[in-house]
Amino acid sequence: MANIKSAKKRILVTAKKTERNKAIKSKVKTMIKKVDAAVASQDKELAKANLLVAVAEIDKACSKGVMHKNTAARKVSRITRNVNKLA
């Protein structure tokens, strides 16, 4: 365990940020799974609706620094491509 006051604070701050990042990443993964499920069931309207929500969540994660911008762009590109294949 840390002895220095600043090291103890860093442990607490890191734990809080880790929980926040984990929650945001989990939400992004859930939204992507919803889009994939809609694509698998060939439901165009549901897929498009879920795509908008998923892109918004990915953009939020990117803006908060949880996800790198290129990773976010890649994920958006892949799910958009899958939805556009339905049309």
C-alpha atoms as a PDB file:
ATOM      1  CA  MET A   1       0.000   0.000   0.000  1.00  0.00           C
ATOM      2  CA  ALA A   2       1.153   3.532  -0.710  1.00  0.00           C
ATOM      3  CA  ASN A   3       2.612   5.608   2.121  1.00  0.00           C
ATOM      4  CA  ILE A   4       2.756   9.019   0.462  1.00  0.00           C
ATOM      5  CA  LYS A   5      -0.401  11.148   0.543  1.00  0.00           C
ATOM      6  CA  SER A   6      -0.289  11.967  -3.173  1.00  0.00           C
ATOM      7  CA  ALA A   7       0.130   8.277  -4.049  1.00  0.00           C
ATOM      8  CA  LYS A   8      -2.944   7.401  -1.969  1.00  0.00           C
ATOM      9  CA  LYS A   9      -4.905  10.079  -3.805  1.00  0.00           C
ATOM     10  CA  ARG A  10      -3.744   8.778  -7.187  1.00  0.00           C
ATOM     11  CA  ILE A  11      -5.007   5.304  -6.241  1.00  0.00           C
ATOM     12  CA  LEU A  12      -8.452   6.708  -5.428  1.00  0.00           C
ATOM     13  CA  VAL A  13      -8.598   8.863  -8.559  1.00  0.00           C
ATOM     14  CA  THR A  14      -7.482   5.990 -10.776  1.00  0.00           C
ATOM     15  CA  ALA A  15     -10.113   3.684  -9.283  1.00  0.00           C
ATOM     16  CA  LYS A  16     -12.845   6.251  -9.924  1.00  0.00           C
ATOM     17  CA  LYS A  17     -11.726   6.835 -13.522  1.00  0.00           C
ATOM     18  CA  THR A  18     -11.468   3.088 -14.138  1.00  0.00           C
ATOM     19  CA  GLU A  19     -15.080   2.572 -13.035  1.00  0.00           C
ATOM     20  CA  ARG A  20     -16.265   5.435 -15.248  1.00  0.00           C
ATOM     21  CA  ASN A  21     -14.349   4.164 -18.276  1.00  0.00           C
ATOM     22  CA  LYS A  22     -15.606   0.619 -17.736  1.00  0.00           C
ATOM     23  CA  ALA A  23     -19.229   1.807 -17.646  1.00  0.00           C
ATOM     24  CA  ILE A  24     -18.839   3.866 -20.819  1.00  0.00           C
ATOM     25  CA  LYS A  25     -17.088   1.045 -22.702  1.00  0.00           C
ATOM     26  CA  SER A  26     -19.771  -1.398 -21.604  1.00  0.00           C
ATOM     27  CA  LYS A  27     -22.520   0.895 -22.866  1.00  0.00           C
ATOM     28  CA  VAL A  28     -20.781   1.269 -26.235  1.00  0.00           C
ATOM     29  CA  LYS A  29     -20.443  -2.506 -26.581  1.00  0.00           C
ATOM     30  CA  THR A  30     -24.121  -2.985 -25.698  1.00  0.00           C
ATOM     31  CA  MET A  31     -25.226  -0.482 -28.327  1.00  0.00           C
ATOM     32  CA  ILE A  32     -23.042  -2.132 -30.970  1.00  0.00           C
ATOM     33  CA  LYS A  33     -24.538  -5.524 -30.075  1.00  0.00           C
ATOM     34  CA  LYS A  34     -28.050  -4.097 -30.502  1.00  0.00           C
ATOM     35  CA  VAL A  35     -27.165  -2.868 -33.994  1.00  0.00           C
ATOM     36  CA  ASP A  36     -25.634  -6.245 -34.875  1.00  0.00           C
ATOM     37  CA  ALA A  37     -28.713  -8.068 -33.587  1.00  0.00           C
ATOM     38  CA  ALA A  38     -31.011  -5.879 -35.694  1.00  0.00           C
ATOM     39  CA  VAL A  39     -28.825  -6.487 -38.762  1.00  0.00           C
ATOM     40  CA  ALA A  40     -28.873 -10.239 -38.109  1.00  0.00           C
ATOM     41  CA  SER A  41     -32.678 -10.208 -37.918  1.00  0.00           C
ATOM     42  CA  GLN A  42     -32.844  -8.159 -41.168  1.00  0.00           C
ATOM     43  CA  ASP A  43     -34.849  -5.371 -39.456  1.00  0.00           C
ATOM     44  CA  LYS A  44     -33.878  -2.215 -41.374  1.00  0.00           C
ATOM     45  CA  GLU A  45     -35.810   0.317 -39.295  1.00  0.00           C
ATOM     46  CA  LEU A  46     -34.602  -1.020 -35.960  1.00  0.00           C
ATOM     47  CA  ALA A  47     -31.045  -1.222 -37.267  1.00  0.00           C
ATOM     48  CA  LYS A  48     -31.107   2.408 -38.412  1.00  0.00           C
ATOM     49  CA  ALA A  49     -32.592   3.573 -35.103  1.00  0.00           C
ATOM     50  CA  ASN A  50     -30.022   1.616 -33.093  1.00  0.00           C
ATOM     51  CA  LEU A  51     -27.248   2.880 -35.366  1.00  0.00           C
ATOM     52  CA  LEU A  52     -28.009   6.501 -34.462  1.00  0.00           C
ATOM     53  CA  VAL A  53     -27.913   5.691 -30.744  1.00  0.00           C
ATOM     54  CA  ALA A  54     -24.722   3.654 -31.078  1.00  0.00           C
ATOM     55  CA  VAL A  55     -22.909   6.366 -33.045  1.00  0.00           C
ATOM     56  CA  ALA A  56     -23.893   8.932 -30.411  1.00  0.00           C
ATOM     57  CA  GLU A  57     -22.536   6.713 -27.610  1.00  0.00           C
ATOM     58  CA  ILE A  58     -19.301   6.079 -29.503  1.00  0.00           C
ATOM     59  CA  ASP A  59     -18.854   9.809 -30.101  1.00  0.00           C
ATOM     60  CA  LYS A  60     -19.429  10.526 -26.401  1.00  0.00           C
ATOM     61  CA  ALA A  61     -16.845   7.920 -25.426  1.00  0.00           C
ATOM     62  CA  CYS A  62     -14.380   9.463 -27.883  1.00  0.00           C
ATOM     63  CA  SER A  63     -14.959  13.001 -26.629  1.00  0.00           C
ATOM     64  CA  LYS A  64     -14.486  11.916 -22.995  1.00  0.00           C
ATOM     65  CA  GLY A  65     -11.155  10.323 -23.806  1.00  0.00           C
ATOM     66  CA  VAL A  66     -12.283   6.769 -23.124  1.00  0.00           C
ATOM     67  CA  MET A  67     -11.720   5.743 -26.721  1.00  0.00           C
ATOM     68  CA  HIS A  68      -9.178   6.940 -29.303  1.00  0.00           C
ATOM     69  CA  LYS A  69     -10.669   8.858 -32.223  1.00  0.00           C
ATOM     70  CA  ASN A  70      -9.446   6.333 -34.797  1.00  0.00           C
ATOM     71  CA  THR A  71     -10.939   3.453 -32.823  1.00  0.00           C
ATOM     72  CA  ALA A  72     -14.245   5.323 -32.637  1.00  0.00           C
ATOM     73  CA  ALA A  73     -14.160   6.041 -36.369  1.00  0.00           C
ATOM     74  CA  ARG A  74     -13.425   2.377 -37.131  1.00  0.00           C
ATOM     75  CA  LYS A  75     -16.320   1.147 -34.997  1.00  0.00           C
ATOM     76  CA  VAL A  76     -18.738   3.665 -36.536  1.00  0.00           C
ATOM     77  CA  SER A  77     -17.565   2.719 -40.015  1.00  0.00           C
ATOM     78  CA  ARG A  78     -18.046  -0.997 -39.444  1.00  0.00           C
ATOM     79  CA  ILE A  79     -21.544  -0.813 -37.979  1.00  0.00           C
ATOM     80  CA  THR A  80     -22.639   1.731 -40.597  1.00  0.00           C
ATOM     81  CA  ARG A  81     -21.365  -0.539 -43.360  1.00  0.00           C
ATOM     82  CA  ASN A  82     -23.321  -3.472 -41.910  1.00  0.00           C
ATOM     83  CA  VAL A  83     -26.542  -1.442 -41.712  1.00  0.00           C
ATOM     84  CA  ASN A  84     -26.075  -0.111 -45.261  1.00  0.00           C
ATOM     85  CA  LYS A  85     -25.738  -3.685 -46.564  1.00  0.00           C
ATOM     86  CA  LEU A  86     -29.388  -4.244 -45.589  1.00  0.00           C
ATOM     87  CA  ALA A  87     -30.634  -1.528 -47.947  1.00  0.00           C
END
